[in-house]
PDB file of N, CA and C in Angstrom:
ATOM      1  N   UNK A   1      93.591  60.475  95.876  1.00  0.00           N
ATOM      2  CA  UNK A   1      94.162  61.755  96.302  1.00  0.00           C
ATOM      3  C   UNK A   1      94.991  62.360  95.170  1.00  0.00           C
ATOM      4  N   UNK A   2      94.854  63.629  94.976  1.00  0.00           N
ATOM      5  CA  UNK A   2      95.545  64.333  93.910  1.00  0.00           C
ATOM      6  C   UNK A   2      97.020  64.531  94.261  1.00  0.00           C
ATOM      7  N   UNK A   3      97.858  64.519  93.226  1.00  0.00           N
ATOM      8  CA  UNK A   3      99.277  64.799  93.437  1.00  0.00           C
ATOM      9  C   UNK A   3      99.576  66.284  93.304  1.00  0.00           C
ATOM     10  N   UNK A   4      98.549  67.064  93.020  1.00  0.00           N
ATOM     11  CA  UNK A   4      98.716  68.509  92.887  1.00  0.00           C
ATOM     12  C   UNK A   4      98.835  69.156  94.259  1.00  0.00           C
ATOM     13  N   UNK A   5      99.524  70.291  94.335  1.00  0.00           N
ATOM     14  CA  UNK A   5      99.530  71.047  95.596  1.00  0.00           C
ATOM     15  C   UNK A   5      98.102  71.458  95.957  1.00  0.00           C
ATOM     16  N   UNK A   6      97.841  71.623  97.236  1.00  0.00           N
ATOM     17  CA  UNK A   6      96.503  71.971  97.692  1.00  0.00           C
ATOM     18  C   UNK A   6      96.462  73.398  98.229  1.00  0.00           C
ATOM     19  N   UNK A   7      95.368  74.080  97.920  1.00  0.00           N
ATOM     20  CA  UNK A   7      95.069  75.398  98.466  1.00  0.00           C
ATOM     21  C   UNK A   7      93.673  75.340  99.048  1.00  0.00           C
ATOM     22  N   UNK A   8      93.467  76.044 100.142  1.00  0.00           N
ATOM     23  CA  UNK A   8      92.142  76.146 100.740  1.00  0.00           C
ATOM     24  C   UNK A   8      91.499  77.435 100.246  1.00  0.00           C
ATOM     25  N   UNK A   9      90.259  77.341  99.835  1.00  0.00           N
ATOM     26  CA  UNK A   9      89.524  78.511  99.382  1.00  0.00           C
ATOM     27  C   UNK A   9      89.141  79.366 100.579  1.00  0.00           C
ATOM     28  N   UNK A  10      89.381  80.663 100.477  1.00  0.00           N
ATOM     29  CA  UNK A  10      88.987  81.574 101.554  1.00  0.00           C
ATOM     30  C   UNK A  10      87.551  82.046 101.387  1.00  0.00           C
ATOM     31  N   UNK A  11      86.938  81.737 100.261  1.00  0.00           N
ATOM     32  CA  UNK A  11      85.557  82.144 100.039  1.00  0.00           C
ATOM     33  C   UNK A  11      84.632  80.946 100.118  1.00  0.00           C
ATOM     34  N   UNK A  12      83.436  81.189 100.592  1.00  0.00           N
ATOM     35  CA  UNK A  12      82.394  80.166 100.596  1.00  0.00           C
ATOM     36  C   UNK A  12      81.401  80.414  99.473  1.00  0.00           C
ATOM     37  N   UNK A  13      81.579  81.488  98.711  1.00  0.00           N
ATOM     38  CA  UNK A  13      80.694  81.822  97.601  1.00  0.00           C
ATOM     39  C   UNK A  13      80.894  80.793  96.495  1.00  0.00           C
ATOM     40  N   UNK A  14      79.873  79.980  96.198  1.00  0.00           N
ATOM     41  CA  UNK A  14      80.060  78.898  95.226  1.00  0.00           C
ATOM     42  C   UNK A  14      80.429  79.383  93.825  1.00  0.00           C
ATOM     43  N   UNK A  15      79.971  80.567  93.429  1.00  0.00           N
ATOM     44  CA  UNK A  15      80.315  81.091  92.107  1.00  0.00           C
ATOM     45  C   UNK A  15      81.790  81.480  92.050  1.00  0.00           C
ATOM     46  N   UNK A  16      82.285  82.126  93.103  1.00  0.00           N
ATOM     47  CA  UNK A  16      83.697  82.483  93.147  1.00  0.00           C
ATOM     48  C   UNK A  16      84.571  81.238  93.234  1.00  0.00           C
ATOM     49  N   UNK A  17      84.139  80.246  94.017  1.00  0.00           N
ATOM     50  CA  UNK A  17      84.903  79.004  94.127  1.00  0.00           C
ATOM     51  C   UNK A  17      85.035  78.357  92.753  1.00  0.00           C
ATOM     52  N   UNK A  18      83.937  78.308  91.997  1.00  0.00           N
ATOM     53  CA  UNK A  18      83.970  77.710  90.660  1.00  0.00           C
ATOM     54  C   UNK A  18      84.917  78.480  89.736  1.00  0.00           C
ATOM     55  N   UNK A  19      84.887  79.813  89.798  1.00  0.00           N
ATOM     56  CA  UNK A  19      85.775  80.626  88.965  1.00  0.00           C
ATOM     57  C   UNK A  19      87.234  80.396  89.327  1.00  0.00           C
ATOM     58  N   UNK A  20      87.531  80.391  90.617  1.00  0.00           N
ATOM     59  CA  UNK A  20      88.911  80.192  91.063  1.00  0.00           C
ATOM     60  C   UNK A  20      89.377  78.781  90.704  1.00  0.00           C
ATOM     61  N   UNK A  21      88.516  77.783  90.911  1.00  0.00           N
ATOM     62  CA  UNK A  21      88.869  76.404  90.569  1.00  0.00           C
ATOM     63  C   UNK A  21      89.173  76.280  89.080  1.00  0.00           C
ATOM     64  N   UNK A  22      88.398  76.956  88.241  1.00  0.00           N
ATOM     65  CA  UNK A  22      88.633  76.905  86.800  1.00  0.00           C
ATOM     66  C   UNK A  22      89.974  77.542  86.434  1.00  0.00           C
ATOM     67  N   UNK A  23      90.299  78.649  87.073  1.00  0.00           N
ATOM     68  CA  UNK A  23      91.571  79.331  86.817  1.00  0.00           C
ATOM     69  C   UNK A  23      92.752  78.449  87.224  1.00  0.00           C
ATOM     70  N   UNK A  24      92.603  77.760  88.340  1.00  0.00           N
ATOM     71  CA  UNK A  24      93.706  76.975  88.905  1.00  0.00           C
ATOM     72  C   UNK A  24      93.689  75.506  88.484  1.00  0.00           C
ATOM     73  N   UNK A  25      92.721  75.109  87.654  1.00  0.00           N
ATOM     74  CA  UNK A  25      92.586  73.711  87.245  1.00  0.00           C
ATOM     75  C   UNK A  25      93.890  73.181  86.649  1.00  0.00           C
ATOM     76  N   UNK A  26      94.272  72.005  87.102  1.00  0.00           N
ATOM     77  CA  UNK A  26      95.487  71.376  86.617  1.00  0.00           C
ATOM     78  C   UNK A  26      96.753  71.886  87.263  1.00  0.00           C
ATOM     79  N   UNK A  27      96.627  72.936  88.075  1.00  0.00           N
ATOM     80  CA  UNK A  27      97.790  73.528  88.744  1.00  0.00           C
ATOM     81  C   UNK A  27      97.773  73.214  90.233  1.00  0.00           C
ATOM     82  N   UNK A  28      96.602  73.370  90.846  1.00  0.00           N
ATOM     83  CA  UNK A  28      96.429  73.051  92.267  1.00  0.00           C
ATOM     84  C   UNK A  28      95.067  72.407  92.478  1.00  0.00           C
ATOM     85  N   UNK A  29      94.944  71.708  93.587  1.00  0.00           N
ATOM     86  CA  UNK A  29      93.655  71.183  94.017  1.00  0.00           C
ATOM     87  C   UNK A  29      93.061  72.195  94.994  1.00  0.00           C
ATOM     88  N   UNK A  30      91.883  72.705  94.684  1.00  0.00           N
ATOM     89  CA  UNK A  30      91.235  73.696  95.534  1.00  0.00           C
ATOM     90  C   UNK A  30      90.337  72.992  96.536  1.00  0.00           C
ATOM     91  N   UNK A  31      90.631  73.185  97.810  1.00  0.00           N
ATOM     92  CA  UNK A  31      89.836  72.602  98.881  1.00  0.00           C
ATOM     93  C   UNK A  31      88.806  73.624  99.356  1.00  0.00           C
ATOM     94  N   UNK A  32      87.637  73.148  99.811  1.00  0.00           N
ATOM     95  CA  UNK A  32      86.608  74.089 100.259  1.00  0.00           C
ATOM     96  C   UNK A  32      86.983  74.786 101.555  1.00  0.00           C
ATOM     97  N   UNK A  33      86.432  75.957 101.724  1.00  0.00           N
ATOM     98  CA  UNK A  33      86.599  76.701 102.973  1.00  0.00           C
ATOM     99  C   UNK A  33      85.930  75.914 104.092  1.00  0.00           C
ATOM    100  N   UNK A  34      86.632  75.688 105.194  1.00  0.00           N
ATOM    101  CA  UNK A  34      86.002  74.980 106.310  1.00  0.00           C
ATOM    102  C   UNK A  34      84.788  75.757 106.829  1.00  0.00           C
ATOM    103  N   UNK A  35      83.707  75.052 107.041  1.00  0.00           N
ATOM    104  CA  UNK A  35      82.451  75.688 107.460  1.00  0.00           C
ATOM    105  C   UNK A  35      82.557  76.337 108.836  1.00  0.00           C
ATOM    106  N   UNK A  36      83.473  75.864 109.666  1.00  0.00           N
ATOM    107  CA  UNK A  36      83.564  76.388 111.025  1.00  0.00           C
ATOM    108  C   UNK A  36      84.470  77.617 111.158  1.00  0.00           C
ATOM    109  N   UNK A  37      85.014  78.106 110.050  1.00  0.00           N
ATOM    110  CA  UNK A  37      85.861  79.296 110.098  1.00  0.00           C
ATOM    111  C   UNK A  37      84.959  80.531 109.986  1.00  0.00           C
ATOM    112  N   UNK A  38      85.076  81.431 110.935  1.00  0.00           N
ATOM    113  CA  UNK A  38      84.240  82.638 110.961  1.00  0.00           C
ATOM    114  C   UNK A  38      84.547  83.540 109.769  1.00  0.00           C
ATOM    115  N   UNK A  39      83.558  84.329 109.376  1.00  0.00           N
ATOM    116  CA  UNK A  39      83.764  85.322 108.329  1.00  0.00           C
ATOM    117  C   UNK A  39      84.795  86.344 108.804  1.00  0.00           C
ATOM    118  N   UNK A  40      85.558  86.861 107.885  1.00  0.00           N
ATOM    119  CA  UNK A  40      86.606  87.827 108.196  1.00  0.00           C
ATOM    120  C   UNK A  40      86.053  89.232 107.986  1.00  0.00           C
ATOM    121  N   UNK A  41      86.326  90.123 108.908  1.00  0.00           N
ATOM    122  CA  UNK A  41      85.956  91.531 108.742  1.00  0.00           C
ATOM    123  C   UNK A  41      86.880  92.113 107.672  1.00  0.00           C
ATOM    124  N   UNK A  42      86.296  92.598 106.596  1.00  0.00           N
ATOM    125  CA  UNK A  42      87.058  93.135 105.473  1.00  0.00           C
ATOM    126  C   UNK A  42      87.167  94.653 105.614  1.00  0.00           C
ATOM    127  N   UNK A  43      88.151  95.080 106.388  1.00  0.00           N
ATOM    128  CA  UNK A  43      88.278  96.503 106.685  1.00  0.00           C
ATOM    129  C   UNK A  43      89.642  97.074 106.309  1.00  0.00           C
ATOM    130  N   UNK A  44      90.314  96.426 105.355  1.00  0.00           N
ATOM    131  CA  UNK A  44      91.651  96.882 104.973  1.00  0.00           C
ATOM    132  C   UNK A  44      91.623  98.138 104.110  1.00  0.00           C
ATOM    133  N   UNK A  45      90.490  98.402 103.450  1.00  0.00           N
ATOM    134  CA  UNK A  45      90.383  99.612 102.639  1.00  0.00           C
ATOM    135  C   UNK A  45      90.771  99.437 101.182  1.00  0.00           C
ATOM    136  N   UNK A  46      91.343  98.280 100.820  1.00  0.00           N
ATOM    137  CA  UNK A  46      91.674  97.990  99.425  1.00  0.00           C
ATOM    138  C   UNK A  46      91.275  96.554  99.125  1.00  0.00           C
ATOM    139  N   UNK A  47      91.093  96.249  97.832  1.00  0.00           N
ATOM    140  CA  UNK A  47      90.787  94.876  97.454  1.00  0.00           C
ATOM    141  C   UNK A  47      91.923  93.944  97.846  1.00  0.00           C
ATOM    142  N   UNK A  48      93.148  94.339  97.547  1.00  0.00           N
ATOM    143  CA  UNK A  48      94.297  93.502  97.890  1.00  0.00           C
ATOM    144  C   UNK A  48      94.390  93.308  99.401  1.00  0.00           C
ATOM    145  N   UNK A  49      94.185  94.360 100.153  1.00  0.00           N
ATOM    146  CA  UNK A  49      94.254  94.264 101.606  1.00  0.00           C
ATOM    147  C   UNK A  49      93.199  93.325 102.174  1.00  0.00           C
ATOM    148  N   UNK A  50      91.964  93.433 101.658  1.00  0.00           N
ATOM    149  CA  UNK A  50      90.908  92.536 102.114  1.00  0.00           C
ATOM    150  C   UNK A  50      91.216  91.086 101.752  1.00  0.00           C
ATOM    151  N   UNK A  51      91.732  90.858 100.542  1.00  0.00           N
ATOM    152  CA  UNK A  51      92.105  89.500 100.138  1.00  0.00           C
ATOM    153  C   UNK A  51      93.200  88.952 101.049  1.00  0.00           C
ATOM    154  N   UNK A  52      94.144  89.803 101.407  1.00  0.00           N
ATOM    155  CA  UNK A  52      95.208  89.371 102.325  1.00  0.00           C
ATOM    156  C   UNK A  52      94.634  88.984 103.693  1.00  0.00           C
ATOM    157  N   UNK A  53      93.698  89.788 104.200  1.00  0.00           N
ATOM    158  CA  UNK A  53      93.073  89.474 105.490  1.00  0.00           C
ATOM    159  C   UNK A  53      92.408  88.103 105.459  1.00  0.00           C
ATOM    160  N   UNK A  54      91.656  87.842 104.390  1.00  0.00           N
ATOM    161  CA  UNK A  54      90.949  86.568 104.281  1.00  0.00           C
ATOM    162  C   UNK A  54      91.916  85.404 104.138  1.00  0.00           C
ATOM    163  N   UNK A  55      92.953  85.558 103.317  1.00  0.00           N
ATOM    164  CA  UNK A  55      93.934  84.482 103.142  1.00  0.00           C
ATOM    165  C   UNK A  55      94.662  84.192 104.447  1.00  0.00           C
ATOM    166  N   UNK A  56      95.060  85.236 105.145  1.00  0.00           N
ATOM    167  CA  UNK A  56      95.775  85.044 106.412  1.00  0.00           C
ATOM    168  C   UNK A  56      94.892  84.335 107.434  1.00  0.00           C
ATOM    169  N   UNK A  57      93.602  84.673 107.470  1.00  0.00           N
ATOM    170  CA  UNK A  57      92.691  84.034 108.420  1.00  0.00           C
ATOM    171  C   UNK A  57      92.523  82.549 108.114  1.00  0.00           C
ATOM    172  N   UNK A  58      92.390  82.202 106.838  1.00  0.00           N
ATOM    173  CA  UNK A  58      92.241  80.798 106.464  1.00  0.00           C
ATOM    174  C   UNK A  58      93.542  80.045 106.728  1.00  0.00           C
ATOM    175  N   UNK A  59      94.672  80.653 106.426  1.00  0.00           N
ATOM    176  CA  UNK A  59      95.974  80.022 106.724  1.00  0.00           C
ATOM    177  C   UNK A  59      96.115  79.751 108.219  1.00  0.00           C
ATOM    178  N   UNK A  60      95.744  80.728 109.022  1.00  0.00           N
ATOM    179  CA  UNK A  60      95.852  80.568 110.474  1.00  0.00           C
ATOM    180  C   UNK A  60      94.908  79.486 110.990  1.00  0.00           C
ATOM    181  N   UNK A  61      93.717  79.409 110.407  1.00  0.00           N
ATOM    182  CA  UNK A  61      92.718  78.441 110.872  1.00  0.00           C
ATOM    183  C   UNK A  61      93.024  77.015 110.432  1.00  0.00           C
ATOM    184  N   UNK A  62      93.646  76.851 109.268  1.00  0.00           N
ATOM    185  CA  UNK A  62      93.849  75.518 108.717  1.00  0.00           C
ATOM    186  C   UNK A  62      95.292  75.053 108.723  1.00  0.00           C
ATOM    187  N   UNK A  63      96.227  75.979 108.809  1.00  0.00           N
ATOM    188  CA  UNK A  63      97.634  75.621 108.702  1.00  0.00           C
ATOM    189  C   UNK A  63      98.051  75.280 107.278  1.00  0.00           C
ATOM    190  N   UNK A  64      97.186  75.589 106.333  1.00  0.00           N
ATOM    191  CA  UNK A  64      97.465  75.287 104.928  1.00  0.00           C
ATOM    192  C   UNK A  64      97.506  76.576 104.114  1.00  0.00           C
ATOM    193  N   UNK A  65      98.160  76.533 102.955  1.00  0.00           N
ATOM    194  CA  UNK A  65      98.126  77.710 102.089  1.00  0.00           C
ATOM    195  C   UNK A  65      96.706  77.949 101.594  1.00  0.00           C
ATOM    196  N   UNK A  66      96.385  79.200 101.332  1.00  0.00           N
ATOM    197  CA  UNK A  66      95.023  79.567 100.942  1.00  0.00           C
ATOM    198  C   UNK A  66      95.042  80.450  99.710  1.00  0.00           C
ATOM    199  N   UNK A  67      93.910  80.451  99.038  1.00  0.00           N
ATOM    200  CA  UNK A  67      93.698  81.374  97.933  1.00  0.00           C
ATOM    201  C   UNK A  67      92.477  82.209  98.302  1.00  0.00           C
ATOM    202  N   UNK A  68      92.593  83.500  98.095  1.00  0.00           N
ATOM    203  CA  UNK A  68      91.478  84.381  98.429  1.00  0.00           C
ATOM    204  C   UNK A  68      91.332  85.431  97.344  1.00  0.00           C
ATOM    205  N   UNK A  69      90.239  86.141  97.427  1.00  0.00           N
ATOM    206  CA  UNK A  69      89.997  87.219  96.484  1.00  0.00           C
ATOM    207  C   UNK A  69      89.182  88.289  97.184  1.00  0.00           C
ATOM    208  N   UNK A  70      89.104  89.417  96.562  1.00  0.00           N
ATOM    209  CA  UNK A  70      88.127  90.422  96.930  1.00  0.00           C
ATOM    210  C   UNK A  70      87.764  91.118  95.639  1.00  0.00           C
ATOM    211  N   UNK A  71      86.521  91.419  95.480  1.00  0.00           N
ATOM    212  CA  UNK A  71      86.026  91.986  94.238  1.00  0.00           C
ATOM    213  C   UNK A  71      85.246  93.252  94.528  1.00  0.00           C
ATOM    214  N   UNK A  72      85.413  94.236  93.670  1.00  0.00           N
ATOM    215  CA  UNK A  72      84.661  95.471  93.800  1.00  0.00           C
ATOM    216  C   UNK A  72      84.175  95.939  92.454  1.00  0.00           C
ATOM    217  N   UNK A  73      83.089  96.661  92.456  1.00  0.00           N
ATOM    218  CA  UNK A  73      82.540  97.250  91.240  1.00  0.00           C
ATOM    219  C   UNK A  73      82.839  98.740  91.280  1.00  0.00           C
ATOM    220  N   UNK A  74      83.529  99.236  90.272  1.00  0.00           N
ATOM    221  CA  UNK A  74      83.945 100.633  90.201  1.00  0.00           C
ATOM    222  C   UNK A  74      83.179 101.301  89.055  1.00  0.00           C
ATOM    223  N   UNK A  75      82.221 102.147  89.391  1.00  0.00           N
ATOM    224  CA  UNK A  75      81.334 102.763  88.403  1.00  0.00           C
ATOM    225  C   UNK A  75      81.790 104.189  88.130  1.00  0.00           C
ATOM    226  N   UNK A  76      82.148 104.450  86.873  1.00  0.00           N
ATOM    227  CA  UNK A  76      82.648 105.774  86.503  1.00  0.00           C
ATOM    228  C   UNK A  76      81.644 106.880  86.824  1.00  0.00           C
ATOM    229  N   UNK A  77      80.370 106.647  86.536  1.00  0.00           N
ATOM    230  CA  UNK A  77      79.342 107.673  86.769  1.00  0.00           C
ATOM    231  C   UNK A  77      79.155 107.973  88.251  1.00  0.00           C
ATOM    232  N   UNK A  78      79.693 107.106  89.106  1.00  0.00           N
ATOM    233  CA  UNK A  78      79.605 107.315  90.555  1.00  0.00           C
ATOM    234  C   UNK A  78      80.983 107.624  91.140  1.00  0.00           C
ATOM    235  N   UNK A  79      81.855 108.185  90.308  1.00  0.00           N
ATOM    236  CA  UNK A  79      83.214 108.534  90.738  1.00  0.00           C
ATOM    237  C   UNK A  79      83.954 107.353  91.343  1.00  0.00           C
ATOM    238  N   UNK A  80      83.801 106.173  90.713  1.00  0.00           N
ATOM    239  CA  UNK A  80      84.526 104.992  91.161  1.00  0.00           C
ATOM    240  C   UNK A  80      83.859 104.210  92.267  1.00  0.00           C
ATOM    241  N   UNK A  81      82.749 104.723  92.774  1.00  0.00           N
ATOM    242  CA  UNK A  81      82.051 103.991  93.827  1.00  0.00           C
ATOM    243  C   UNK A  81      81.228 102.883  93.199  1.00  0.00           C
ATOM    244  N   UNK A  82      80.859 101.856  93.910  1.00  0.00           N
ATOM    245  CA  UNK A  82      81.117 101.624  95.321  1.00  0.00           C
ATOM    246  C   UNK A  82      82.507 101.082  95.626  1.00  0.00           C
ATOM    247  N   UNK A  83      83.240 100.619  94.615  1.00  0.00           N
ATOM    248  CA  UNK A  83      84.622 100.201  94.818  1.00  0.00           C
ATOM    249  C   UNK A  83      84.775  99.091  95.827  1.00  0.00           C
ATOM    250  N   UNK A  84      85.729  99.272  96.720  1.00  0.00           N
ATOM    251  CA  UNK A  84      86.048  98.246  97.713  1.00  0.00           C
ATOM    252  C   UNK A  84      84.883  97.993  98.669  1.00  0.00           C
ATOM    253  N   UNK A  85      83.966  98.918  98.746  1.00  0.00           N
ATOM    254  CA  UNK A  85      82.804  98.784  99.642  1.00  0.00           C
ATOM    255  C   UNK A  85      81.580  98.196  98.944  1.00  0.00           C
ATOM    256  N   UNK A  86      81.742  97.565  97.798  1.00  0.00           N
ATOM    257  CA  UNK A  86      80.616  97.073  97.007  1.00  0.00           C
ATOM    258  C   UNK A  86      79.640  96.240  97.825  1.00  0.00           C
ATOM    259  N   UNK A  87      80.135  95.314  98.616  1.00  0.00           N
ATOM    260  CA  UNK A  87      79.251  94.411  99.373  1.00  0.00           C
ATOM    261  C   UNK A  87      78.406  95.151 100.402  1.00  0.00           C
ATOM    262  N   UNK A  88      78.845  96.324 100.822  1.00  0.00           N
ATOM    263  CA  UNK A  88      78.160  97.052 101.894  1.00  0.00           C
ATOM    264  C   UNK A  88      77.517  98.336 101.401  1.00  0.00           C
ATOM    265  N   UNK A  89      77.678  98.635 100.131  1.00  0.00           N
ATOM    266  CA  UNK A  89      77.337  99.941  99.596  1.00  0.00           C
ATOM    267  C   UNK A  89      75.860 100.294  99.711  1.00  0.00           C
ATOM    268  N   UNK A  90      75.004  99.388  99.327  1.00  0.00           N
ATOM    269  CA  UNK A  90      73.581  99.702  99.275  1.00  0.00           C
ATOM    270  C   UNK A  90      72.909  99.636 100.634  1.00  0.00           C
ATOM    271  N   UNK A  91      73.518  99.000 101.578  1.00  0.00           N
ATOM    272  CA  UNK A  91      72.896  98.865 102.888  1.00  0.00           C
ATOM    273  C   UNK A  91      71.674  97.977 102.803  1.00  0.00           C
ATOM    274  N   UNK A  92      70.819  98.042 103.791  1.00  0.00           N
ATOM    275  CA  UNK A  92      69.682  97.122 103.834  1.00  0.00           C
ATOM    276  C   UNK A  92      68.655  97.341 102.738  1.00  0.00           C
ATOM    277  N   UNK A  93      68.592  98.535 102.176  1.00  0.00           N
ATOM    278  CA  UNK A  93      67.576  98.812 101.155  1.00  0.00           C
ATOM    279  C   UNK A  93      67.978  98.337  99.768  1.00  0.00           C
ATOM    280  N   UNK A  94      69.261  98.213  99.500  1.00  0.00           N
ATOM    281  CA  UNK A  94      69.776  97.688  98.242  1.00  0.00           C
ATOM    282  C   UNK A  94      69.417  98.510  97.004  1.00  0.00           C
ATOM    283  N   UNK A  95      69.033  99.772  97.160  1.00  0.00           N
ATOM    284  CA  UNK A  95      68.681 100.586  96.007  1.00  0.00           C
ATOM    285  C   UNK A  95      69.596 101.799  95.846  1.00  0.00           C
ATOM    286  N   UNK A  96      70.534 101.979  96.724  1.00  0.00           N
ATOM    287  CA  UNK A  96      71.364 103.175  96.724  1.00  0.00           C
ATOM    288  C   UNK A  96      72.162 103.333  95.435  1.00  0.00           C
ATOM    289  N   UNK A  97      72.744 102.256  94.932  1.00  0.00           N
ATOM    290  CA  UNK A  97      73.546 102.351  93.717  1.00  0.00           C
ATOM    291  C   UNK A  97      72.693 102.836  92.545  1.00  0.00           C
ATOM    292  N   UNK A  98      71.502 102.282  92.375  1.00  0.00           N
ATOM    293  CA  UNK A  98      70.614 102.705  91.294  1.00  0.00           C
ATOM    294  C   UNK A  98      70.207 104.165  91.480  1.00  0.00           C
ATOM    295  N   UNK A  99      69.863 104.543  92.701  1.00  0.00           N
ATOM    296  CA  UNK A  99      69.449 105.924  92.972  1.00  0.00           C
ATOM    297  C   UNK A  99      70.579 106.902  92.685  1.00  0.00           C
ATOM    298  N   UNK A 100      71.799 106.560  93.080  1.00  0.00           N
ATOM    299  CA  UNK A 100      72.917 107.458  92.823  1.00  0.00           C
ATOM    300  C   UNK A 100      73.244 107.519  91.337  1.00  0.00           C
ATOM    301  N   UNK A 101      73.074 106.395  90.640  1.00  0.00           N
ATOM    302  CA  UNK A 101      73.283 106.397  89.197  1.00  0.00           C
ATOM    303  C   UNK A 101      72.293 107.332  88.520  1.00  0.00           C
ATOM    304  N   UNK A 102      71.035 107.260  88.919  1.00  0.00           N
ATOM    305  CA  UNK A 102      70.018 108.134  88.350  1.00  0.00           C
ATOM    306  C   UNK A 102      70.315 109.585  88.679  1.00  0.00           C
ATOM    307  N   UNK A 103      70.773 109.851  89.876  1.00  0.00           N
ATOM    308  CA  UNK A 103      71.110 111.216  90.274  1.00  0.00           C
ATOM    309  C   UNK A 103      72.305 111.746  89.482  1.00  0.00           C
ATOM    310  N   UNK A 104      73.161 110.840  88.998  1.00  0.00           N
ATOM    311  CA  UNK A 104      74.340 111.232  88.231  1.00  0.00           C
ATOM    312  C   UNK A 104      74.033 111.400  86.746  1.00  0.00           C
ATOM    313  N   UNK A 105      72.759 111.292  86.360  1.00  0.00           N
ATOM    314  CA  UNK A 105      72.408 111.553  84.979  1.00  0.00           C
ATOM    315  C   UNK A 105      71.835 110.382  84.210  1.00  0.00           C
ATOM    316  N   UNK A 106      71.469 109.344  84.880  1.00  0.00           N
ATOM    317  CA  UNK A 106      70.826 108.246  84.166  1.00  0.00           C
ATOM    318  C   UNK A 106      71.528 106.929  84.352  1.00  0.00           C
ATOM    319  N   UNK A 107      71.366 106.093  83.369  1.00  0.00           N
ATOM    320  CA  UNK A 107      71.899 104.727  83.429  1.00  0.00           C
ATOM    321  C   UNK A 107      73.422 104.748  83.549  1.00  0.00           C
ATOM    322  N   UNK A 108      73.936 103.781  84.242  1.00  0.00           N
ATOM    323  CA  UNK A 108      75.383 103.633  84.353  1.00  0.00           C
ATOM    324  C   UNK A 108      75.924 103.320  82.967  1.00  0.00           C
ATOM    325  N   UNK A 109      76.879 104.107  82.506  1.00  0.00           N
ATOM    326  CA  UNK A 109      77.413 103.935  81.166  1.00  0.00           C
ATOM    327  C   UNK A 109      78.702 103.120  81.152  1.00  0.00           C
ATOM    328  N   UNK A 110      79.469 103.198  82.194  1.00  0.00           N
ATOM    329  CA  UNK A 110      80.754 102.511  82.201  1.00  0.00           C
ATOM    330  C   UNK A 110      81.119 102.141  83.624  1.00  0.00           C
ATOM    331  N   UNK A 111      81.469 100.896  83.799  1.00  0.00           N
ATOM    332  CA  UNK A 111      81.952 100.463  85.103  1.00  0.00           C
ATOM    333  C   UNK A 111      82.933  99.331  84.883  1.00  0.00           C
ATOM    334  N   UNK A 112      83.675  98.996  85.898  1.00  0.00           N
ATOM    335  CA  UNK A 112      84.623  97.898  85.809  1.00  0.00           C
ATOM    336  C   UNK A 112      84.626  97.148  87.123  1.00  0.00           C
ATOM    337  N   UNK A 113      84.890  95.884  87.015  1.00  0.00           N
ATOM    338  CA  UNK A 113      85.002  95.036  88.192  1.00  0.00           C
ATOM    339  C   UNK A 113      86.470  94.697  88.356  1.00  0.00           C
ATOM    340  N   UNK A 114      86.923  94.668  89.564  1.00  0.00           N
ATOM    341  CA  UNK A 114      88.316  94.350  89.837  1.00  0.00           C
ATOM    342  C   UNK A 114      88.369  93.298  90.925  1.00  0.00           C
ATOM    343  N   UNK A 115      89.282  92.353  90.769  1.00  0.00           N
ATOM    344  CA  UNK A 115      89.449  91.289  91.760  1.00  0.00           C
ATOM    345  C   UNK A 115      90.921  91.138  92.093  1.00  0.00           C
ATOM    346  N   UNK A 116      91.174  90.608  93.262  1.00  0.00           N
ATOM    347  CA  UNK A 116      92.536  90.307  93.698  1.00  0.00           C
ATOM    348  C   UNK A 116      92.587  88.862  94.153  1.00  0.00           C
ATOM    349  N   UNK A 117      93.555  88.097  93.677  1.00  0.00           N
ATOM    350  CA  UNK A 117      93.849  86.749  94.115  1.00  0.00           C
ATOM    351  C   UNK A 117      95.162  86.338  93.508  1.00  0.00           C
ATOM    352  N   UNK A 118      95.794  85.249  93.805  1.00  0.00           N
ATOM    353  CA  UNK A 118      95.734  84.372  94.977  1.00  0.00           C
ATOM    354  C   UNK A 118      96.783  84.754  96.013  1.00  0.00           C
ATOM    355  N   UNK A 119      96.827  84.024  97.104  1.00  0.00           N
ATOM    356  CA  UNK A 119      97.736  84.317  98.202  1.00  0.00           C
ATOM    357  C   UNK A 119      98.467  83.068  98.654  1.00  0.00           C
ATOM    358  N   UNK A 120      99.616  83.289  99.285  1.00  0.00           N
ATOM    359  CA  UNK A 120     100.396  82.155  99.749  1.00  0.00           C
ATOM    360  C   UNK A 120     100.118  81.870 101.216  1.00  0.00           C
ATOM    361  N   UNK A 121     100.878  80.952 101.789  1.00  0.00           N
ATOM    362  CA  UNK A 121     100.679  80.491 103.163  1.00  0.00           C
ATOM    363  C   UNK A 121     100.714  81.634 104.176  1.00  0.00           C
ATOM    364  N   UNK A 122     101.490  82.674 103.928  1.00  0.00           N
ATOM    365  CA  UNK A 122     101.635  83.776 104.878  1.00  0.00           C
ATOM    366  C   UNK A 122     100.705  84.952 104.568  1.00  0.00           C
ATOM    367  N   UNK A 123      99.781  84.774 103.659  1.00  0.00           N
ATOM    368  CA  UNK A 123      98.853  85.840 103.329  1.00  0.00           C
ATOM    369  C   UNK A 123      99.435  86.885 102.395  1.00  0.00           C
ATOM    370  N   UNK A 124     100.586  86.594 101.781  1.00  0.00           N
ATOM    371  CA  UNK A 124     101.180  87.533 100.824  1.00  0.00           C
ATOM    372  C   UNK A 124     100.593  87.267  99.444  1.00  0.00           C
ATOM    373  N   UNK A 125     100.427  88.320  98.679  1.00  0.00           N
ATOM    374  CA  UNK A 125      99.899  88.180  97.342  1.00  0.00           C
ATOM    375  C   UNK A 125     100.898  87.393  96.506  1.00  0.00           C
ATOM    376  N   UNK A 126     100.470  86.274  95.949  1.00  0.00           N
ATOM    377  CA  UNK A 126     101.330  85.459  95.101  1.00  0.00           C
ATOM    378  C   UNK A 126     101.301  86.011  93.687  1.00  0.00           C
ATOM    379  N   UNK A 127     102.441  86.081  93.084  1.00  0.00           N
ATOM    380  CA  UNK A 127     102.534  86.606  91.723  1.00  0.00           C
ATOM    381  C   UNK A 127     103.234  85.579  90.846  1.00  0.00           C
ATOM    382  N   UNK A 128     102.756  85.472  89.604  1.00  0.00           N
ATOM    383  CA  UNK A 128     103.408  84.573  88.663  1.00  0.00           C
ATOM    384  C   UNK A 128     104.740  85.165  88.259  1.00  0.00           C
ATOM    385  N   UNK A 129     105.757  84.306  88.075  1.00  0.00           N
ATOM    386  CA  UNK A 129     107.080  84.821  87.655  1.00  0.00           C
ATOM    387  C   UNK A 129     107.048  85.386  86.262  1.00  0.00           C
TER     388      UNK A 129
END
């Protein structure tokens, strides 16, 4: 058993878990998200708000502190869209982003990805001193 503090991952995405584990390596032990915890409706309207919702849900379900994130892709040629709605933006067809990029004048020239993490036991955004 590790002597490091433990955090429960609020994501089940293995790529995000690996990234978060790498960031926190040597600082905390990252525990997997329990499989029986339902997905959280991400309707806060901001990346930070969605991350808070997920962290609070995992804290409530496990009684342990959690780390969560939310990520969005902000494309300049699409006036910052899809942003916080990235996961839902394309809908079932999955071509909307490409179509809107083409309608905006061609290939996407500049975009940025933004993420929010980690959170404490009460779902508050934890900040380094």
